[in-house]
Amino acid sequence: QVQLVESGGGSVQSGGSLRLSCAASGQTSRIFYMGWFRQVPGKDREGVAAIGKYGSTFYVDSAKGRFTISQDNAKNTVYLQMNDLKPEDTAMYYCAALLSSYYIGGLLGALGRSGFWGQGTQVTVSS
């Protein structure tokens, strides 16, 4: 099993930056991919970015150019650097882990079905 703990959320003004962290513990050697998702009340959780064990990255269009996902394997931690934040980025941000090198369909979809989630960290961007 894997446990995930997010941190780094907060309130910023439009154009500001935040860096989210997701610390993994437990059977971390089984993790092949990790990703960030976000959710606002009344809407489905949506994928933002993902990173593979060996550093490959994936971003949804709304994150490209503004967000950067990275990892520190020694610390079992994945980061999401968010720059030029907009009010529409306001959401609860969650990280997820996929304990398989093989997945069907898209990576974010597979991460979303993995069942390994943190408790979330709130990001609020004011205009």
N, C-alpha and C. Protein backbone atom coordinates (compact mmCIF):
# COMPACT_ATOMS: atom_id res chain seq x y z
N GLN A 1 0.83 -1.19 0.00
CA GLN A 1 0.00 0.00 0.00
C GLN A 1 0.87 1.25 0.00
N VAL A 2 0.26 2.32 -0.44
CA VAL A 2 0.95 3.60 -0.52
C VAL A 2 0.08 4.66 0.14
N GLN A 3 0.72 5.53 0.88
CA GLN A 3 0.03 6.67 1.47
C GLN A 3 0.58 7.95 0.85
N LEU A 4 -0.31 8.88 0.60
CA LEU A 4 0.06 10.14 -0.05
C LEU A 4 -0.41 11.31 0.81
N VAL A 5 0.45 12.29 0.97
CA VAL A 5 0.10 13.48 1.75
C VAL A 5 0.48 14.72 0.95
N GLU A 6 -0.52 15.52 0.62
CA GLU A 6 -0.29 16.75 -0.12
C GLU A 6 -0.09 17.92 0.85
N SER A 7 0.63 18.92 0.38
CA SER A 7 0.81 20.16 1.14
C SER A 7 1.17 21.27 0.17
N GLY A 8 1.16 22.49 0.67
CA GLY A 8 1.60 23.61 -0.13
C GLY A 8 0.50 24.49 -0.69
N GLY A 9 -0.74 24.10 -0.49
CA GLY A 9 -1.83 24.93 -0.98
C GLY A 9 -1.93 26.23 -0.20
N GLY A 10 -2.77 27.11 -0.68
CA GLY A 10 -2.95 28.39 0.00
C GLY A 10 -3.76 29.34 -0.86
N SER A 11 -3.76 30.59 -0.44
CA SER A 11 -4.49 31.63 -1.16
C SER A 11 -3.50 32.60 -1.77
N VAL A 12 -3.66 32.85 -3.06
CA VAL A 12 -2.79 33.78 -3.77
C VAL A 12 -3.64 34.65 -4.68
N GLN A 13 -3.04 35.73 -5.12
CA GLN A 13 -3.72 36.57 -6.10
C GLN A 13 -3.43 36.09 -7.51
N SER A 14 -4.28 36.48 -8.41
CA SER A 14 -4.10 36.12 -9.81
C SER A 14 -2.70 36.53 -10.27
N GLY A 15 -2.03 35.63 -10.98
CA GLY A 15 -0.67 35.87 -11.42
C GLY A 15 0.39 35.34 -10.46
N GLY A 16 -0.03 34.93 -9.29
CA GLY A 16 0.90 34.42 -8.30
C GLY A 16 1.31 32.98 -8.56
N SER A 17 2.11 32.47 -7.63
CA SER A 17 2.66 31.12 -7.78
C SER A 17 2.50 30.33 -6.48
N LEU A 18 2.41 29.04 -6.64
CA LEU A 18 2.42 28.12 -5.51
C LEU A 18 3.15 26.86 -5.92
N ARG A 19 3.76 26.19 -4.95
CA ARG A 19 4.35 24.88 -5.22
C ARG A 19 3.70 23.87 -4.29
N LEU A 20 3.04 22.91 -4.88
CA LEU A 20 2.41 21.84 -4.13
C LEU A 20 3.39 20.67 -4.01
N SER A 21 3.30 19.98 -2.89
CA SER A 21 4.12 18.80 -2.66
C SER A 21 3.23 17.61 -2.36
N CYS A 22 3.67 16.45 -2.77
CA CYS A 22 2.97 15.21 -2.45
C CYS A 22 4.02 14.21 -1.99
N ALA A 23 3.98 13.89 -0.71
CA ALA A 23 4.94 12.96 -0.14
C ALA A 23 4.33 11.57 -0.07
N ALA A 24 5.03 10.62 -0.63
CA ALA A 24 4.56 9.23 -0.63
C ALA A 24 5.30 8.43 0.44
N SER A 25 4.57 7.50 1.03
CA SER A 25 5.18 6.60 2.01
C SER A 25 4.59 5.21 1.83
N GLY A 26 5.19 4.25 2.48
CA GLY A 26 4.73 2.88 2.32
C GLY A 26 5.55 2.18 1.26
N GLN A 27 4.88 1.45 0.39
CA GLN A 27 5.57 0.68 -0.64
C GLN A 27 5.87 1.55 -1.86
N THR A 28 6.69 2.56 -1.64
CA THR A 28 6.95 3.54 -2.68
C THR A 28 7.70 2.96 -3.87
N SER A 29 8.42 1.87 -3.66
CA SER A 29 9.14 1.26 -4.77
C SER A 29 8.20 0.68 -5.81
N ARG A 30 6.93 0.54 -5.46
CA ARG A 30 5.95 0.00 -6.40
C ARG A 30 5.32 1.09 -7.27
N ILE A 31 5.63 2.34 -6.98
CA ILE A 31 5.02 3.45 -7.73
C ILE A 31 5.73 3.63 -9.07
N PHE A 32 4.94 3.63 -10.15
CA PHE A 32 5.50 3.88 -11.47
C PHE A 32 5.13 5.27 -12.00
N TYR A 33 3.97 5.75 -11.60
CA TYR A 33 3.53 7.06 -12.04
C TYR A 33 2.85 7.78 -10.88
N MET A 34 2.98 9.09 -10.87
CA MET A 34 2.21 9.92 -9.95
C MET A 34 1.63 11.09 -10.72
N GLY A 35 0.54 11.61 -10.21
CA GLY A 35 -0.10 12.69 -10.93
C GLY A 35 -0.84 13.63 -10.00
N TRP A 36 -1.17 14.77 -10.54
CA TRP A 36 -1.96 15.77 -9.83
C TRP A 36 -3.31 15.93 -10.50
N PHE A 37 -4.32 16.04 -9.67
CA PHE A 37 -5.69 16.27 -10.11
C PHE A 37 -6.25 17.44 -9.32
N ARG A 38 -7.35 17.97 -9.79
CA ARG A 38 -8.03 19.02 -9.05
C ARG A 38 -9.53 18.87 -9.19
N GLN A 39 -10.22 19.40 -8.19
CA GLN A 39 -11.67 19.28 -8.19
C GLN A 39 -12.28 20.49 -7.51
N VAL A 40 -13.34 20.99 -8.14
CA VAL A 40 -14.14 22.04 -7.53
C VAL A 40 -15.49 21.45 -7.19
N PRO A 41 -16.14 21.99 -6.18
CA PRO A 41 -17.44 21.43 -5.78
C PRO A 41 -18.42 21.38 -6.94
N GLY A 42 -19.07 20.24 -7.09
CA GLY A 42 -20.07 20.09 -8.12
C GLY A 42 -19.53 19.65 -9.46
N LYS A 43 -18.22 19.51 -9.56
CA LYS A 43 -17.63 19.09 -10.82
C LYS A 43 -16.79 17.83 -10.61
N ASP A 44 -16.55 17.14 -11.71
CA ASP A 44 -15.71 15.95 -11.64
C ASP A 44 -14.26 16.33 -11.39
N ARG A 45 -13.55 15.40 -10.78
CA ARG A 45 -12.12 15.60 -10.61
C ARG A 45 -11.45 15.55 -11.97
N GLU A 46 -10.52 16.46 -12.23
CA GLU A 46 -9.85 16.49 -13.53
C GLU A 46 -8.34 16.38 -13.35
N GLY A 47 -7.73 15.69 -14.29
CA GLY A 47 -6.29 15.55 -14.25
C GLY A 47 -5.59 16.83 -14.66
N VAL A 48 -4.41 17.04 -14.11
CA VAL A 48 -3.63 18.23 -14.41
C VAL A 48 -2.29 17.86 -15.04
N ALA A 49 -1.56 16.98 -14.37
CA ALA A 49 -0.23 16.61 -14.85
C ALA A 49 0.16 15.27 -14.23
N ALA A 50 1.10 14.61 -14.88
CA ALA A 50 1.58 13.33 -14.37
C ALA A 50 3.06 13.20 -14.66
N ILE A 51 3.71 12.34 -13.88
CA ILE A 51 5.13 12.11 -14.07
C ILE A 51 5.43 10.64 -13.86
N GLY A 52 6.31 10.12 -14.69
CA GLY A 52 6.68 8.73 -14.58
C GLY A 52 7.89 8.54 -13.69
N LYS A 53 8.10 7.32 -13.31
CA LYS A 53 9.19 6.96 -12.41
C LYS A 53 10.54 7.42 -12.95
N TYR A 54 10.69 7.41 -14.28
CA TYR A 54 11.95 7.77 -14.89
C TYR A 54 11.93 9.17 -15.47
N GLY A 55 10.91 9.95 -15.11
CA GLY A 55 10.94 11.37 -15.43
C GLY A 55 10.07 11.85 -16.58
N SER A 56 9.40 10.93 -17.26
CA SER A 56 8.53 11.39 -18.34
C SER A 56 7.37 12.19 -17.75
N THR A 57 6.94 13.21 -18.46
CA THR A 57 5.89 14.07 -17.94
C THR A 57 4.75 14.21 -18.94
N PHE A 58 3.60 14.54 -18.40
CA PHE A 58 2.41 14.76 -19.22
C PHE A 58 1.60 15.87 -18.59
N TYR A 59 1.08 16.76 -19.43
CA TYR A 59 0.27 17.89 -18.95
C TYR A 59 -1.01 17.98 -19.78
N VAL A 60 -2.07 18.39 -19.13
CA VAL A 60 -3.25 18.74 -19.89
C VAL A 60 -3.02 20.14 -20.46
N ASP A 61 -3.80 20.48 -21.46
CA ASP A 61 -3.56 21.74 -22.17
C ASP A 61 -3.60 22.95 -21.25
N SER A 62 -4.50 22.95 -20.29
CA SER A 62 -4.65 24.13 -19.43
C SER A 62 -3.45 24.32 -18.51
N ALA A 63 -2.63 23.29 -18.36
CA ALA A 63 -1.46 23.37 -17.47
C ALA A 63 -0.17 23.65 -18.22
N LYS A 64 -0.18 23.40 -19.50
CA LYS A 64 1.05 23.56 -20.28
C LYS A 64 1.53 25.02 -20.25
N GLY A 65 2.81 25.19 -19.99
CA GLY A 65 3.39 26.52 -19.98
C GLY A 65 3.28 27.25 -18.65
N ARG A 66 2.40 26.78 -17.76
CA ARG A 66 2.22 27.43 -16.47
C ARG A 66 2.60 26.52 -15.30
N PHE A 67 2.34 25.25 -15.44
CA PHE A 67 2.59 24.29 -14.37
C PHE A 67 3.76 23.40 -14.75
N THR A 68 4.53 23.00 -13.74
CA THR A 68 5.62 22.07 -13.95
C THR A 68 5.57 20.99 -12.88
N ILE A 69 5.52 19.74 -13.33
CA ILE A 69 5.56 18.63 -12.39
C ILE A 69 6.98 18.10 -12.32
N SER A 70 7.42 17.79 -11.13
CA SER A 70 8.77 17.28 -10.93
C SER A 70 8.77 16.32 -9.75
N GLN A 71 9.88 15.66 -9.54
CA GLN A 71 9.94 14.71 -8.44
C GLN A 71 11.32 14.66 -7.84
N ASP A 72 11.37 14.28 -6.58
CA ASP A 72 12.61 14.03 -5.88
C ASP A 72 12.51 12.58 -5.40
N ASN A 73 13.12 11.69 -6.15
CA ASN A 73 12.97 10.28 -5.83
C ASN A 73 13.56 9.93 -4.47
N ALA A 74 14.60 10.63 -4.06
CA ALA A 74 15.21 10.36 -2.76
C ALA A 74 14.24 10.68 -1.62
N LYS A 75 13.37 11.65 -1.85
CA LYS A 75 12.40 12.04 -0.84
C LYS A 75 11.02 11.46 -1.09
N ASN A 76 10.89 10.68 -2.16
CA ASN A 76 9.58 10.11 -2.53
C ASN A 76 8.51 11.20 -2.60
N THR A 77 8.88 12.30 -3.21
CA THR A 77 7.99 13.46 -3.26
C THR A 77 7.85 13.96 -4.68
N VAL A 78 6.64 14.29 -5.03
CA VAL A 78 6.33 14.89 -6.32
C VAL A 78 5.83 16.31 -6.08
N TYR A 79 6.24 17.21 -6.95
CA TYR A 79 5.90 18.62 -6.80
C TYR A 79 5.07 19.08 -8.01
N LEU A 80 4.30 20.10 -7.77
CA LEU A 80 3.60 20.79 -8.86
C LEU A 80 3.85 22.28 -8.67
N GLN A 81 4.74 22.81 -9.48
CA GLN A 81 4.99 24.25 -9.47
C GLN A 81 3.96 24.93 -10.35
N MET A 82 3.21 25.83 -9.77
CA MET A 82 2.13 26.49 -10.50
C MET A 82 2.43 27.98 -10.57
N ASN A 83 2.61 28.48 -11.77
CA ASN A 83 2.89 29.89 -11.99
C ASN A 83 1.73 30.54 -12.74
N ASP A 84 1.71 31.87 -12.69
CA ASP A 84 0.67 32.62 -13.39
C ASP A 84 -0.71 32.06 -13.08
N LEU A 85 -0.98 31.88 -11.83
CA LEU A 85 -2.26 31.28 -11.42
C LEU A 85 -3.43 32.18 -11.77
N LYS A 86 -4.52 31.54 -12.12
CA LYS A 86 -5.74 32.25 -12.51
C LYS A 86 -6.87 31.84 -11.56
N PRO A 87 -7.90 32.66 -11.45
CA PRO A 87 -9.02 32.29 -10.57
C PRO A 87 -9.62 30.92 -10.92
N GLU A 88 -9.58 30.56 -12.18
CA GLU A 88 -10.14 29.26 -12.58
C GLU A 88 -9.28 28.09 -12.14
N ASP A 89 -8.09 28.36 -11.59
CA ASP A 89 -7.27 27.29 -11.02
C ASP A 89 -7.68 26.96 -9.59
N THR A 90 -8.60 27.75 -9.04
CA THR A 90 -9.08 27.49 -7.69
C THR A 90 -9.73 26.13 -7.62
N ALA A 91 -9.25 25.30 -6.70
CA ALA A 91 -9.75 23.93 -6.57
C ALA A 91 -9.05 23.25 -5.41
N MET A 92 -9.55 22.09 -5.06
CA MET A 92 -8.82 21.19 -4.17
C MET A 92 -7.92 20.36 -5.06
N TYR A 93 -6.64 20.33 -4.74
CA TYR A 93 -5.68 19.58 -5.54
C TYR A 93 -5.31 18.30 -4.81
N TYR A 94 -5.33 17.22 -5.58
CA TYR A 94 -5.03 15.90 -5.05
C TYR A 94 -3.89 15.26 -5.85
N CYS A 95 -3.13 14.43 -5.18
CA CYS A 95 -2.17 13.63 -5.94
C CYS A 95 -2.60 12.17 -5.90
N ALA A 96 -2.17 11.45 -6.90
CA ALA A 96 -2.51 10.04 -7.04
C ALA A 96 -1.28 9.26 -7.47
N ALA A 97 -1.29 7.99 -7.18
CA ALA A 97 -0.17 7.12 -7.53
C ALA A 97 -0.67 5.88 -8.25
N LEU A 98 0.10 5.46 -9.25
CA LEU A 98 -0.22 4.25 -10.01
C LEU A 98 0.89 3.24 -9.78
N LEU A 99 0.50 2.08 -9.27
CA LEU A 99 1.49 1.07 -8.92
C LEU A 99 1.63 0.02 -10.02
N SER A 100 1.70 0.49 -11.23
CA SER A 100 1.84 -0.41 -12.36
C SER A 100 2.52 0.33 -13.49
N SER A 101 3.39 -0.37 -14.20
CA SER A 101 4.03 0.24 -15.37
C SER A 101 3.14 0.12 -16.60
N TYR A 102 2.08 -0.67 -16.48
CA TYR A 102 1.19 -0.90 -17.61
C TYR A 102 -0.17 -0.28 -17.31
N TYR A 103 -0.74 0.38 -18.25
CA TYR A 103 -2.08 0.92 -18.07
C TYR A 103 -2.79 0.94 -19.40
N ILE A 104 -4.11 0.92 -19.30
CA ILE A 104 -4.95 0.94 -20.49
C ILE A 104 -5.54 2.33 -20.64
N GLY A 105 -5.52 2.85 -21.84
CA GLY A 105 -6.07 4.18 -22.07
C GLY A 105 -5.07 5.24 -21.65
N GLY A 106 -5.54 6.41 -21.33
CA GLY A 106 -4.66 7.51 -20.96
C GLY A 106 -4.09 7.37 -19.56
N LEU A 107 -2.92 8.00 -19.37
CA LEU A 107 -2.24 7.90 -18.09
C LEU A 107 -3.05 8.54 -16.97
N LEU A 108 -3.59 9.71 -17.21
CA LEU A 108 -4.36 10.37 -16.15
C LEU A 108 -5.61 9.56 -15.80
N GLY A 109 -6.21 8.95 -16.80
CA GLY A 109 -7.36 8.09 -16.51
C GLY A 109 -6.97 6.92 -15.63
N ALA A 110 -5.83 6.33 -15.94
CA ALA A 110 -5.35 5.20 -15.14
C ALA A 110 -5.02 5.64 -13.72
N LEU A 111 -4.39 6.79 -13.59
CA LEU A 111 -4.10 7.32 -12.25
C LEU A 111 -5.40 7.57 -11.49
N GLY A 112 -6.39 8.10 -12.18
CA GLY A 112 -7.66 8.38 -11.53
C GLY A 112 -8.37 7.14 -11.03
N ARG A 113 -8.08 6.00 -11.66
CA ARG A 113 -8.70 4.74 -11.25
C ARG A 113 -7.85 3.96 -10.27
N SER A 114 -6.68 4.50 -9.93
CA SER A 114 -5.73 3.72 -9.15
C SER A 114 -6.18 3.44 -7.73
N GLY A 115 -6.94 4.35 -7.17
CA GLY A 115 -7.39 4.16 -5.80
C GLY A 115 -6.45 4.69 -4.74
N PHE A 116 -5.30 5.21 -5.15
CA PHE A 116 -4.36 5.75 -4.17
C PHE A 116 -4.38 7.27 -4.28
N TRP A 117 -4.95 7.91 -3.27
CA TRP A 117 -5.14 9.35 -3.26
C TRP A 117 -4.69 9.94 -1.95
N GLY A 118 -4.27 11.20 -2.01
CA GLY A 118 -4.03 11.94 -0.79
C GLY A 118 -5.32 12.61 -0.35
N GLN A 119 -5.20 13.41 0.70
CA GLN A 119 -6.40 14.06 1.27
C GLN A 119 -6.70 15.38 0.61
N GLY A 120 -5.77 15.89 -0.18
CA GLY A 120 -5.99 17.12 -0.91
C GLY A 120 -5.43 18.34 -0.22
N THR A 121 -5.15 19.36 -1.01
CA THR A 121 -4.71 20.65 -0.48
C THR A 121 -5.41 21.73 -1.29
N GLN A 122 -5.96 22.70 -0.60
CA GLN A 122 -6.80 23.72 -1.25
C GLN A 122 -5.96 24.83 -1.85
N VAL A 123 -6.28 25.17 -3.08
CA VAL A 123 -5.67 26.31 -3.76
C VAL A 123 -6.77 27.30 -4.09
N THR A 124 -6.60 28.53 -3.66
CA THR A 124 -7.58 29.58 -3.93
C THR A 124 -6.86 30.76 -4.57
N VAL A 125 -7.33 31.13 -5.75
CA VAL A 125 -6.74 32.24 -6.50
C VAL A 125 -7.77 33.34 -6.62
N SER A 126 -7.45 34.49 -6.13
CA SER A 126 -8.37 35.62 -6.19
C SER A 126 -7.97 36.58 -7.30
N SER A 127 -8.96 37.21 -7.86
CA SER A 127 -8.70 38.13 -8.98
C SER A 127 -8.36 39.53 -8.48
